[in-house]
């Protein structure tokens, strides 16, 4: 787990930030500015996340199982939360993620 968190850290801090897009191991990850960003509205609980400054979109290959995808997305969420980044996941397997993906959880807000 530590090695994956380190690789996620490198991904988020280097490759992804530099290019805005990366593909690896059945995943493509794109970081982009949220067109609906509004600093004031982003702080309104619980739906303020729709106005967060960035969107991190993760496309998952069909060859990746839901269990594996939920493990990777969970680690990304936990990494972001531990680094005081508010993050909410919206996907078909939110129930498999910590804090159910973060929606309706004050524990995920910075």
PDB file of N, CA and C in Angstrom:
ATOM      1  N   UNK A   1       0.820  -1.199   0.000  1.00  0.00           N
ATOM      2  CA  UNK A   1       0.000   0.000   0.000  1.00  0.00           C
ATOM      3  C   UNK A   1       0.861   1.258   0.000  1.00  0.00           C
ATOM      4  N   UNK A   2       1.918   1.278   0.754  1.00  0.00           N
ATOM      5  CA  UNK A   2       2.769   2.469   0.802  1.00  0.00           C
ATOM      6  C   UNK A   2       3.355   2.755  -0.572  1.00  0.00           C
ATOM      7  N   UNK A   3       3.806   1.729  -1.273  1.00  0.00           N
ATOM      8  CA  UNK A   3       4.372   1.947  -2.597  1.00  0.00           C
ATOM      9  C   UNK A   3       3.350   2.536  -3.555  1.00  0.00           C
ATOM     10  N   UNK A   4       2.111   2.065  -3.475  1.00  0.00           N
ATOM     11  CA  UNK A   4       1.080   2.608  -4.352  1.00  0.00           C
ATOM     12  C   UNK A   4       0.795   4.058  -4.006  1.00  0.00           C
ATOM     13  N   UNK A   5       0.767   4.381  -2.714  1.00  0.00           N
ATOM     14  CA  UNK A   5       0.543   5.771  -2.331  1.00  0.00           C
ATOM     15  C   UNK A   5       1.681   6.653  -2.819  1.00  0.00           C
ATOM     16  N   UNK A   6       2.872   6.140  -2.787  1.00  0.00           N
ATOM     17  CA  UNK A   6       3.999   6.913  -3.306  1.00  0.00           C
ATOM     18  C   UNK A   6       3.834   7.112  -4.810  1.00  0.00           C
ATOM     19  N   UNK A   7       3.434   6.072  -5.523  1.00  0.00           N
ATOM     20  CA  UNK A   7       3.269   6.230  -6.964  1.00  0.00           C
ATOM     21  C   UNK A   7       2.104   7.156  -7.275  1.00  0.00           C
ATOM     22  N   UNK A   8       1.046   7.113  -6.470  1.00  0.00           N
ATOM     23  CA  UNK A   8      -0.060   8.040  -6.659  1.00  0.00           C
ATOM     24  C   UNK A   8       0.418   9.459  -6.394  1.00  0.00           C
ATOM     25  N   UNK A   9       1.219   9.640  -5.351  1.00  0.00           N
ATOM     26  CA  UNK A   9       1.767  10.956  -5.047  1.00  0.00           C
ATOM     27  C   UNK A   9       2.580  11.478  -6.219  1.00  0.00           C
ATOM     28  N   UNK A  10       3.433  10.637  -6.760  1.00  0.00           N
ATOM     29  CA  UNK A  10       4.232  11.047  -7.914  1.00  0.00           C
ATOM     30  C   UNK A  10       3.332  11.376  -9.096  1.00  0.00           C
ATOM     31  N   UNK A  11       2.307  10.569  -9.292  1.00  0.00           N
ATOM     32  CA  UNK A  11       1.374  10.810 -10.388  1.00  0.00           C
ATOM     33  C   UNK A  11       0.698  12.161 -10.241  1.00  0.00           C
ATOM     34  N   UNK A  12       0.170  12.425  -9.052  1.00  0.00           N
ATOM     35  CA  UNK A  12      -0.552  13.666  -8.827  1.00  0.00           C
ATOM     36  C   UNK A  12       0.375  14.877  -8.813  1.00  0.00           C
ATOM     37  N   UNK A  13       1.567  14.709  -8.274  1.00  0.00           N
ATOM     38  CA  UNK A  13       2.473  15.842  -8.118  1.00  0.00           C
ATOM     39  C   UNK A  13       3.353  16.109  -9.337  1.00  0.00           C
ATOM     40  N   UNK A  14       3.484  15.150 -10.213  1.00  0.00           N
ATOM     41  CA  UNK A  14       4.402  15.341 -11.335  1.00  0.00           C
ATOM     42  C   UNK A  14       3.719  15.135 -12.675  1.00  0.00           C
ATOM     43  N   UNK A  15       3.570  13.905 -13.083  1.00  0.00           N
ATOM     44  CA  UNK A  15       3.082  13.601 -14.421  1.00  0.00           C
ATOM     45  C   UNK A  15       1.722  14.227 -14.702  1.00  0.00           C
ATOM     46  N   UNK A  16       0.797  14.061 -13.800  1.00  0.00           N
ATOM     47  CA  UNK A  16      -0.558  14.544 -14.043  1.00  0.00           C
ATOM     48  C   UNK A  16      -0.617  16.064 -14.024  1.00  0.00           C
ATOM     49  N   UNK A  17       0.076  16.682 -13.080  1.00  0.00           N
ATOM     50  CA  UNK A  17       0.072  18.141 -12.994  1.00  0.00           C
ATOM     51  C   UNK A  17       0.742  18.744 -14.224  1.00  0.00           C
ATOM     52  N   UNK A  18       1.823  18.124 -14.692  1.00  0.00           N
ATOM     53  CA  UNK A  18       2.543  18.649 -15.849  1.00  0.00           C
ATOM     54  C   UNK A  18       1.717  18.572 -17.129  1.00  0.00           C
ATOM     55  N   UNK A  19       1.056  17.435 -17.351  1.00  0.00           N
ATOM     56  CA  UNK A  19       0.382  17.237 -18.631  1.00  0.00           C
ATOM     57  C   UNK A  19      -1.136  17.321 -18.542  1.00  0.00           C
ATOM     58  N   UNK A  20      -1.691  17.084 -17.366  1.00  0.00           N
ATOM     59  CA  UNK A  20      -3.132  17.063 -17.209  1.00  0.00           C
ATOM     60  C   UNK A  20      -3.749  15.729 -17.555  1.00  0.00           C
ATOM     61  N   UNK A  21      -2.950  14.781 -18.063  1.00  0.00           N
ATOM     62  CA  UNK A  21      -3.487  13.483 -18.490  1.00  0.00           C
ATOM     63  C   UNK A  21      -2.403  12.430 -18.381  1.00  0.00           C
ATOM     64  N   UNK A  22      -2.801  11.237 -17.927  1.00  0.00           N
ATOM     65  CA  UNK A  22      -1.860  10.124 -17.876  1.00  0.00           C
ATOM     66  C   UNK A  22      -2.638   8.817 -18.018  1.00  0.00           C
ATOM     67  N   UNK A  23      -2.006   7.822 -18.628  1.00  0.00           N
ATOM     68  CA  UNK A  23      -2.572   6.482 -18.730  1.00  0.00           C
ATOM     69  C   UNK A  23      -1.605   5.512 -18.076  1.00  0.00           C
ATOM     70  N   UNK A  24      -2.178   4.562 -17.298  1.00  0.00           N
ATOM     71  CA  UNK A  24      -1.338   3.534 -16.693  1.00  0.00           C
ATOM     72  C   UNK A  24      -2.191   2.382 -16.184  1.00  0.00           C
ATOM     73  N   UNK A  25      -1.751   1.171 -16.416  1.00  0.00           N
ATOM     74  CA  UNK A  25      -2.330  -0.045 -15.847  1.00  0.00           C
ATOM     75  C   UNK A  25      -3.847  -0.140 -15.959  1.00  0.00           C
ATOM     76  N   UNK A  26      -4.406   0.185 -17.103  1.00  0.00           N
ATOM     77  CA  UNK A  26      -5.847   0.068 -17.286  1.00  0.00           C
ATOM     78  C   UNK A  26      -6.648   1.279 -16.855  1.00  0.00           C
ATOM     79  N   UNK A  27      -5.969   2.354 -16.504  1.00  0.00           N
ATOM     80  CA  UNK A  27      -6.633   3.583 -16.070  1.00  0.00           C
ATOM     81  C   UNK A  27      -6.142   4.743 -16.916  1.00  0.00           C
ATOM     82  N   UNK A  28      -7.034   5.670 -17.211  1.00  0.00           N
ATOM     83  CA  UNK A  28      -6.597   6.954 -17.746  1.00  0.00           C
ATOM     84  C   UNK A  28      -7.142   8.010 -16.789  1.00  0.00           C
ATOM     85  N   UNK A  29      -6.295   8.941 -16.446  1.00  0.00           N
ATOM     86  CA  UNK A  29      -6.640   9.947 -15.443  1.00  0.00           C
ATOM     87  C   UNK A  29      -6.400  11.319 -16.053  1.00  0.00           C
ATOM     88  N   UNK A  30      -7.429  12.145 -15.965  1.00  0.00           N
ATOM     89  CA  UNK A  30      -7.337  13.499 -16.499  1.00  0.00           C
ATOM     90  C   UNK A  30      -7.678  14.497 -15.398  1.00  0.00           C
ATOM     91  N   UNK A  31      -6.840  15.487 -15.256  1.00  0.00           N
ATOM     92  CA  UNK A  31      -7.074  16.581 -14.318  1.00  0.00           C
ATOM     93  C   UNK A  31      -7.403  17.818 -15.132  1.00  0.00           C
ATOM     94  N   UNK A  32      -8.532  18.430 -14.820  1.00  0.00           N
ATOM     95  CA  UNK A  32      -8.893  19.646 -15.551  1.00  0.00           C
ATOM     96  C   UNK A  32      -9.572  20.633 -14.619  1.00  0.00           C
ATOM     97  N   UNK A  33      -9.555  21.882 -15.020  1.00  0.00           N
ATOM     98  CA  UNK A  33     -10.241  22.919 -14.259  1.00  0.00           C
ATOM     99  C   UNK A  33     -11.747  22.697 -14.390  1.00  0.00           C
ATOM    100  N   UNK A  34     -12.466  22.922 -13.311  1.00  0.00           N
ATOM    101  CA  UNK A  34     -13.919  22.794 -13.306  1.00  0.00           C
ATOM    102  C   UNK A  34     -14.518  24.107 -13.819  1.00  0.00           C
ATOM    103  N   UNK A  35     -15.251  24.041 -14.905  1.00  0.00           N
ATOM    104  CA  UNK A  35     -15.863  25.238 -15.483  1.00  0.00           C
ATOM    105  C   UNK A  35     -16.879  25.873 -14.534  1.00  0.00           C
ATOM    106  N   UNK A  36     -17.413  25.096 -13.620  1.00  0.00           N
ATOM    107  CA  UNK A  36     -18.419  25.591 -12.670  1.00  0.00           C
ATOM    108  C   UNK A  36     -17.809  26.003 -11.331  1.00  0.00           C
ATOM    109  N   UNK A  37     -16.487  26.176 -11.293  1.00  0.00           N
ATOM    110  CA  UNK A  37     -15.824  26.531 -10.042  1.00  0.00           C
ATOM    111  C   UNK A  37     -16.362  27.845  -9.481  1.00  0.00           C
ATOM    112  N   UNK A  38     -16.665  27.817  -8.200  1.00  0.00           N
ATOM    113  CA  UNK A  38     -17.077  29.010  -7.464  1.00  0.00           C
ATOM    114  C   UNK A  38     -16.617  28.812  -6.032  1.00  0.00           C
ATOM    115  N   UNK A  39     -15.658  29.602  -5.595  1.00  0.00           N
ATOM    116  CA  UNK A  39     -15.052  29.425  -4.280  1.00  0.00           C
ATOM    117  C   UNK A  39     -16.082  29.469  -3.148  1.00  0.00           C
ATOM    118  N   UNK A  40     -17.008  30.387  -3.203  1.00  0.00           N
ATOM    119  CA  UNK A  40     -18.008  30.502  -2.137  1.00  0.00           C
ATOM    120  C   UNK A  40     -18.966  29.318  -2.131  1.00  0.00           C
ATOM    121  N   UNK A  41     -19.498  28.973  -3.281  1.00  0.00           N
ATOM    122  CA  UNK A  41     -20.458  27.865  -3.353  1.00  0.00           C
ATOM    123  C   UNK A  41     -19.780  26.537  -3.038  1.00  0.00           C
ATOM    124  N   UNK A  42     -18.496  26.404  -3.342  1.00  0.00           N
ATOM    125  CA  UNK A  42     -17.789  25.136  -3.108  1.00  0.00           C
ATOM    126  C   UNK A  42     -17.740  24.757  -1.629  1.00  0.00           C
ATOM    127  N   UNK A  43     -17.968  25.714  -0.758  1.00  0.00           N
ATOM    128  CA  UNK A  43     -17.912  25.461   0.691  1.00  0.00           C
ATOM    129  C   UNK A  43     -19.269  25.092   1.281  1.00  0.00           C
ATOM    130  N   UNK A  44     -20.315  25.107   0.446  1.00  0.00           N
ATOM    131  CA  UNK A  44     -21.663  24.787   0.919  1.00  0.00           C
ATOM    132  C   UNK A  44     -21.807  23.271   0.984  1.00  0.00           C
ATOM    133  N   UNK A  45     -22.164  22.772   2.146  1.00  0.00           N
ATOM    134  CA  UNK A  45     -22.314  21.327   2.344  1.00  0.00           C
ATOM    135  C   UNK A  45     -23.759  20.928   2.112  1.00  0.00           C
ATOM    136  N   UNK A  46     -24.055  19.850   1.430  1.00  0.00           N
ATOM    137  CA  UNK A  46     -23.138  18.853   0.877  1.00  0.00           C
ATOM    138  C   UNK A  46     -22.853  19.015  -0.615  1.00  0.00           C
ATOM    139  N   UNK A  47     -23.602  19.832  -1.328  1.00  0.00           N
ATOM    140  CA  UNK A  47     -23.481  19.869  -2.783  1.00  0.00           C
ATOM    141  C   UNK A  47     -22.457  20.846  -3.324  1.00  0.00           C
ATOM    142  N   UNK A  48     -21.686  21.471  -2.458  1.00  0.00           N
ATOM    143  CA  UNK A  48     -20.666  22.409  -2.907  1.00  0.00           C
ATOM    144  C   UNK A  48     -19.593  21.758  -3.749  1.00  0.00           C
ATOM    145  N   UNK A  49     -19.438  20.443  -3.623  1.00  0.00           N
ATOM    146  CA  UNK A  49     -18.401  19.756  -4.396  1.00  0.00           C
ATOM    147  C   UNK A  49     -18.581  19.955  -5.899  1.00  0.00           C
ATOM    148  N   UNK A  50     -19.793  20.211  -6.333  1.00  0.00           N
ATOM    149  CA  UNK A  50     -20.026  20.458  -7.762  1.00  0.00           C
ATOM    150  C   UNK A  50     -19.306  21.705  -8.248  1.00  0.00           C
ATOM    151  N   UNK A  51     -18.829  22.518  -7.307  1.00  0.00           N
ATOM    152  CA  UNK A  51     -18.163  23.778  -7.643  1.00  0.00           C
ATOM    153  C   UNK A  51     -16.711  23.809  -7.165  1.00  0.00           C
ATOM    154  N   UNK A  52     -16.138  22.626  -6.852  1.00  0.00           N
ATOM    155  CA  UNK A  52     -14.718  22.541  -6.507  1.00  0.00           C
ATOM    156  C   UNK A  52     -13.896  23.028  -7.702  1.00  0.00           C
ATOM    157  N   UNK A  53     -12.654  23.472  -7.479  1.00  0.00           N
ATOM    158  CA  UNK A  53     -11.862  24.052  -8.569  1.00  0.00           C
ATOM    159  C   UNK A  53     -11.400  23.052  -9.634  1.00  0.00           C
ATOM    160  N   UNK A  54     -11.272  21.765  -9.276  1.00  0.00           N
ATOM    161  CA  UNK A  54     -10.735  20.792 -10.230  1.00  0.00           C
ATOM    162  C   UNK A  54     -11.611  19.557 -10.310  1.00  0.00           C
ATOM    163  N   UNK A  55     -11.536  18.904 -11.461  1.00  0.00           N
ATOM    164  CA  UNK A  55     -12.177  17.620 -11.671  1.00  0.00           C
ATOM    165  C   UNK A  55     -11.078  16.628 -12.037  1.00  0.00           C
ATOM    166  N   UNK A  56     -11.022  15.521 -11.324  1.00  0.00           N
ATOM    167  CA  UNK A  56     -10.088  14.444 -11.618  1.00  0.00           C
ATOM    168  C   UNK A  56     -10.939  13.302 -12.157  1.00  0.00           C
ATOM    169  N   UNK A  57     -10.864  13.095 -13.460  1.00  0.00           N
ATOM    170  CA  UNK A  57     -11.692  12.069 -14.087  1.00  0.00           C
ATOM    171  C   UNK A  57     -10.856  10.827 -14.318  1.00  0.00           C
ATOM    172  N   UNK A  58     -11.365   9.699 -13.851  1.00  0.00           N
ATOM    173  CA  UNK A  58     -10.649   8.434 -13.978  1.00  0.00           C
ATOM    174  C   UNK A  58     -11.487   7.504 -14.840  1.00  0.00           C
ATOM    175  N   UNK A  59     -10.971   7.150 -16.002  1.00  0.00           N
ATOM    176  CA  UNK A  59     -11.617   6.163 -16.854  1.00  0.00           C
ATOM    177  C   UNK A  59     -10.951   4.821 -16.586  1.00  0.00           C
ATOM    178  N   UNK A  60     -11.781   3.811 -16.395  1.00  0.00           N
ATOM    179  CA  UNK A  60     -11.280   2.498 -16.008  1.00  0.00           C
ATOM    180  C   UNK A  60     -11.582   1.506 -17.118  1.00  0.00           C
ATOM    181  N   UNK A  61     -10.556   0.802 -17.562  1.00  0.00           N
ATOM    182  CA  UNK A  61     -10.702  -0.206 -18.606  1.00  0.00           C
ATOM    183  C   UNK A  61     -11.644  -1.314 -18.138  1.00  0.00           C
ATOM    184  N   UNK A  62     -12.365  -1.908 -19.079  1.00  0.00           N
ATOM    185  CA  UNK A  62     -13.251  -3.023 -18.751  1.00  0.00           C
ATOM    186  C   UNK A  62     -12.486  -4.215 -18.198  1.00  0.00           C
ATOM    187  N   UNK A  63     -11.183  -4.274 -18.466  1.00  0.00           N
ATOM    188  CA  UNK A  63     -10.377  -5.397 -17.969  1.00  0.00           C
ATOM    189  C   UNK A  63     -10.081  -5.284 -16.472  1.00  0.00           C
ATOM    190  N   UNK A  64     -10.353  -4.123 -15.877  1.00  0.00           N
ATOM    191  CA  UNK A  64     -10.119  -3.904 -14.446  1.00  0.00           C
ATOM    192  C   UNK A  64     -11.404  -4.246 -13.696  1.00  0.00           C
ATOM    193  N   UNK A  65     -11.297  -5.108 -12.703  1.00  0.00           N
ATOM    194  CA  UNK A  65     -12.477  -5.502 -11.932  1.00  0.00           C
ATOM    195  C   UNK A  65     -12.972  -4.342 -11.073  1.00  0.00           C
ATOM    196  N   UNK A  66     -14.238  -4.394 -10.713  1.00  0.00           N
ATOM    197  CA  UNK A  66     -14.807  -3.361  -9.847  1.00  0.00           C
ATOM    198  C   UNK A  66     -14.086  -3.339  -8.502  1.00  0.00           C
ATOM    199  N   UNK A  67     -13.730  -4.505  -8.001  1.00  0.00           N
ATOM    200  CA  UNK A  67     -13.019  -4.587  -6.721  1.00  0.00           C
ATOM    201  C   UNK A  67     -11.667  -3.888  -6.804  1.00  0.00           C
ATOM    202  N   UNK A  68     -10.929  -4.139  -7.882  1.00  0.00           N
ATOM    203  CA  UNK A  68      -9.622  -3.492  -8.061  1.00  0.00           C
ATOM    204  C   UNK A  68      -9.784  -1.993  -8.276  1.00  0.00           C
ATOM    205  N   UNK A  69     -10.763  -1.602  -9.073  1.00  0.00           N
ATOM    206  CA  UNK A  69     -11.010  -0.176  -9.314  1.00  0.00           C
ATOM    207  C   UNK A  69     -11.358   0.530  -8.015  1.00  0.00           C
ATOM    208  N   UNK A  70     -12.194  -0.096  -7.191  1.00  0.00           N
ATOM    209  CA  UNK A  70     -12.569   0.530  -5.916  1.00  0.00           C
ATOM    210  C   UNK A  70     -11.362   0.640  -4.993  1.00  0.00           C
ATOM    211  N   UNK A  71     -10.452  -0.318  -5.061  1.00  0.00           N
ATOM    212  CA  UNK A  71      -9.238  -0.263  -4.230  1.00  0.00           C
ATOM    213  C   UNK A  71      -8.368   0.925  -4.653  1.00  0.00           C
ATOM    214  N   UNK A  72      -8.174   1.095  -5.949  1.00  0.00           N
ATOM    215  CA  UNK A  72      -7.334   2.182  -6.445  1.00  0.00           C
ATOM    216  C   UNK A  72      -7.986   3.539  -6.165  1.00  0.00           C
ATOM    217  N   UNK A  73      -9.269   3.671  -6.454  1.00  0.00           N
ATOM    218  CA  UNK A  73      -9.965   4.934  -6.214  1.00  0.00           C
ATOM    219  C   UNK A  73      -9.981   5.248  -4.721  1.00  0.00           C
ATOM    220  N   UNK A  74     -10.146   4.221  -3.891  1.00  0.00           N
ATOM    221  CA  UNK A  74     -10.108   4.428  -2.434  1.00  0.00           C
ATOM    222  C   UNK A  74      -8.770   5.000  -2.003  1.00  0.00           C
ATOM    223  N   UNK A  75      -7.697   4.469  -2.544  1.00  0.00           N
ATOM    224  CA  UNK A  75      -6.370   4.951  -2.175  1.00  0.00           C
ATOM    225  C   UNK A  75      -6.142   6.386  -2.647  1.00  0.00           C
ATOM    226  N   UNK A  76      -6.656   6.720  -3.811  1.00  0.00           N
ATOM    227  CA  UNK A  76      -6.532   8.098  -4.290  1.00  0.00           C
ATOM    228  C   UNK A  76      -7.314   9.036  -3.373  1.00  0.00           C
ATOM    229  N   UNK A  77      -8.551   8.651  -3.026  1.00  0.00           N
ATOM    230  CA  UNK A  77      -9.361   9.482  -2.124  1.00  0.00           C
ATOM    231  C   UNK A  77      -8.664   9.685  -0.783  1.00  0.00           C
ATOM    232  N   UNK A  78      -8.192   8.606  -0.192  1.00  0.00           N
ATOM    233  CA  UNK A  78      -7.536   8.701   1.118  1.00  0.00           C
ATOM    234  C   UNK A  78      -6.292   9.572   1.025  1.00  0.00           C
ATOM    235  N   UNK A  79      -5.528   9.420  -0.047  1.00  0.00           N
ATOM    236  CA  UNK A  79      -4.347  10.264  -0.247  1.00  0.00           C
ATOM    237  C   UNK A  79      -4.745  11.737  -0.284  1.00  0.00           C
ATOM    238  N   UNK A  80      -5.766  12.060  -1.059  1.00  0.00           N
ATOM    239  CA  UNK A  80      -6.208  13.452  -1.166  1.00  0.00           C
ATOM    240  C   UNK A  80      -6.702  13.976   0.182  1.00  0.00           C
ATOM    241  N   UNK A  81      -7.507  13.181   0.874  1.00  0.00           N
ATOM    242  CA  UNK A  81      -8.042  13.602   2.174  1.00  0.00           C
ATOM    243  C   UNK A  81      -6.927  13.819   3.193  1.00  0.00           C
ATOM    244  N   UNK A  82      -5.961  12.914   3.211  1.00  0.00           N
ATOM    245  CA  UNK A  82      -4.851  13.055   4.169  1.00  0.00           C
ATOM    246  C   UNK A  82      -4.003  14.290   3.883  1.00  0.00           C
ATOM    247  N   UNK A  83      -4.050  14.763   2.643  1.00  0.00           N
ATOM    248  CA  UNK A  83      -3.305  15.965   2.262  1.00  0.00           C
ATOM    249  C   UNK A  83      -4.195  17.201   2.247  1.00  0.00           C
ATOM    250  N   UNK A  84      -5.340  17.091   2.948  1.00  0.00           N
ATOM    251  CA  UNK A  84      -6.275  18.205   3.146  1.00  0.00           C
ATOM    252  C   UNK A  84      -6.885  18.746   1.858  1.00  0.00           C
ATOM    253  N   UNK A  85      -7.127  17.864   0.892  1.00  0.00           N
ATOM    254  CA  UNK A  85      -7.851  18.214  -0.320  1.00  0.00           C
ATOM    255  C   UNK A  85      -9.255  17.648  -0.185  1.00  0.00           C
ATOM    256  N   UNK A  86     -10.259  18.473  -0.290  1.00  0.00           N
ATOM    257  CA  UNK A  86     -11.629  17.978  -0.321  1.00  0.00           C
ATOM    258  C   UNK A  86     -11.821  17.234  -1.627  1.00  0.00           C
ATOM    259  N   UNK A  87     -12.415  16.048  -1.553  1.00  0.00           N
ATOM    260  CA  UNK A  87     -12.629  15.246  -2.759  1.00  0.00           C
ATOM    261  C   UNK A  87     -13.868  14.385  -2.581  1.00  0.00           C
ATOM    262  N   UNK A  88     -14.637  14.280  -3.633  1.00  0.00           N
ATOM    263  CA  UNK A  88     -15.837  13.461  -3.669  1.00  0.00           C
ATOM    264  C   UNK A  88     -15.748  12.579  -4.911  1.00  0.00           C
ATOM    265  N   UNK A  89     -16.041  11.290  -4.758  1.00  0.00           N
ATOM    266  CA  UNK A  89     -16.061  10.386  -5.905  1.00  0.00           C
ATOM    267  C   UNK A  89     -17.498  10.155  -6.338  1.00  0.00           C
ATOM    268  N   UNK A  90     -17.707  10.202  -7.616  1.00  0.00           N
ATOM    269  CA  UNK A  90     -19.012   9.902  -8.183  1.00  0.00           C
ATOM    270  C   UNK A  90     -18.817   8.735  -9.153  1.00  0.00           C
ATOM    271  N   UNK A  91     -19.354   7.559  -8.785  1.00  0.00           N
ATOM    272  CA  UNK A  91     -19.174   6.372  -9.608  1.00  0.00           C
ATOM    273  C   UNK A  91     -20.230   5.332  -9.242  1.00  0.00           C
ATOM    274  N   UNK A  92     -20.224   4.236  -9.975  1.00  0.00           N
ATOM    275  CA  UNK A  92     -21.197   3.176  -9.725  1.00  0.00           C
ATOM    276  C   UNK A  92     -20.878   2.340  -8.490  1.00  0.00           C
ATOM    277  N   UNK A  93     -19.678   2.489  -7.938  1.00  0.00           N
ATOM    278  CA  UNK A  93     -19.292   1.673  -6.791  1.00  0.00           C
ATOM    279  C   UNK A  93     -18.957   2.513  -5.560  1.00  0.00           C
ATOM    280  N   UNK A  94     -19.654   3.628  -5.388  1.00  0.00           N
ATOM    281  CA  UNK A  94     -19.418   4.506  -4.236  1.00  0.00           C
ATOM    282  C   UNK A  94     -19.543   3.755  -2.914  1.00  0.00           C
ATOM    283  N   UNK A  95     -20.461   2.781  -2.855  1.00  0.00           N
ATOM    284  CA  UNK A  95     -20.680   2.021  -1.626  1.00  0.00           C
ATOM    285  C   UNK A  95     -19.461   1.198  -1.228  1.00  0.00           C
ATOM    286  N   UNK A  96     -18.520   0.998  -2.130  1.00  0.00           N
ATOM    287  CA  UNK A  96     -17.301   0.246  -1.828  1.00  0.00           C
ATOM    288  C   UNK A  96     -16.156   1.145  -1.385  1.00  0.00           C
ATOM    289  N   UNK A  97     -16.360   2.452  -1.437  1.00  0.00           N
ATOM    290  CA  UNK A  97     -15.305   3.415  -1.130  1.00  0.00           C
ATOM    291  C   UNK A  97     -15.395   3.894   0.316  1.00  0.00           C
ATOM    292  N   UNK A  98     -14.272   4.335   0.884  1.00  0.00           N
ATOM    293  CA  UNK A  98     -14.329   4.915   2.230  1.00  0.00           C
ATOM    294  C   UNK A  98     -15.264   6.129   2.222  1.00  0.00           C
ATOM    295  N   UNK A  99     -16.006   6.286   3.305  1.00  0.00           N
ATOM    296  CA  UNK A  99     -16.962   7.394   3.437  1.00  0.00           C
ATOM    297  C   UNK A  99     -17.965   7.412   2.277  1.00  0.00           C
ATOM    298  N   UNK A 100     -18.206   6.216   1.690  1.00  0.00           N
ATOM    299  CA  UNK A 100     -19.113   6.100   0.537  1.00  0.00           C
ATOM    300  C   UNK A 100     -18.777   7.096  -0.567  1.00  0.00           C
ATOM    301  N   UNK A 101     -17.492   7.314  -0.765  1.00  0.00           N
ATOM    302  CA  UNK A 101     -17.022   8.228  -1.802  1.00  0.00           C
ATOM    303  C   UNK A 101     -16.911   9.671  -1.355  1.00  0.00           C
ATOM    304  N   UNK A 102     -17.352   9.938  -0.125  1.00  0.00           N
ATOM    305  CA  UNK A 102     -17.193  11.285   0.439  1.00  0.00           C
ATOM    306  C   UNK A 102     -18.439  12.145   0.441  1.00  0.00           C
ATOM    307  N   UNK A 103     -19.401  11.827  -0.405  1.00  0.00           N
ATOM    308  CA  UNK A 103     -20.603  12.647  -0.448  1.00  0.00           C
ATOM    309  C   UNK A 103     -21.369  12.483   0.873  1.00  0.00           C
ATOM    310  N   UNK A 104     -21.836  13.574   1.425  1.00  0.00           N
ATOM    311  CA  UNK A 104     -22.567  13.608   2.687  1.00  0.00           C
ATOM    312  C   UNK A 104     -21.675  13.308   3.895  1.00  0.00           C
ATOM    313  N   UNK A 105     -20.372  13.412   3.739  1.00  0.00           N
ATOM    314  CA  UNK A 105     -19.455  13.187   4.861  1.00  0.00           C
ATOM    315  C   UNK A 105     -18.641  14.446   5.122  1.00  0.00           C
ATOM    316  N   UNK A 106     -18.791  15.007   6.279  1.00  0.00           N
ATOM    317  CA  UNK A 106     -17.985  16.180   6.649  1.00  0.00           C
ATOM    318  C   UNK A 106     -16.523  15.801   6.871  1.00  0.00           C
ATOM    319  N   UNK A 107     -16.226  14.506   7.009  1.00  0.00           N
ATOM    320  CA  UNK A 107     -14.861  14.054   7.208  1.00  0.00           C
ATOM    321  C   UNK A 107     -13.989  14.253   5.966  1.00  0.00           C
ATOM    322  N   UNK A 108     -14.612  14.536   4.835  1.00  0.00           N
ATOM    323  CA  UNK A 108     -13.853  14.666   3.583  1.00  0.00           C
ATOM    324  C   UNK A 108     -13.614  16.116   3.183  1.00  0.00           C
ATOM    325  N   UNK A 109     -14.084  17.032   3.999  1.00  0.00           N
ATOM    326  CA  UNK A 109     -13.931  18.456   3.669  1.00  0.00           C
ATOM    327  C   UNK A 109     -12.682  19.017   4.344  1.00  0.00           C
ATOM    328  N   UNK A 110     -11.960  19.892   3.629  1.00  0.00           N
ATOM    329  CA  UNK A 110     -10.760  20.492   4.248  1.00  0.00           C
ATOM    330  C   UNK A 110     -11.134  21.650   5.132  1.00  0.00           C
TER     331      UNK A 110
END
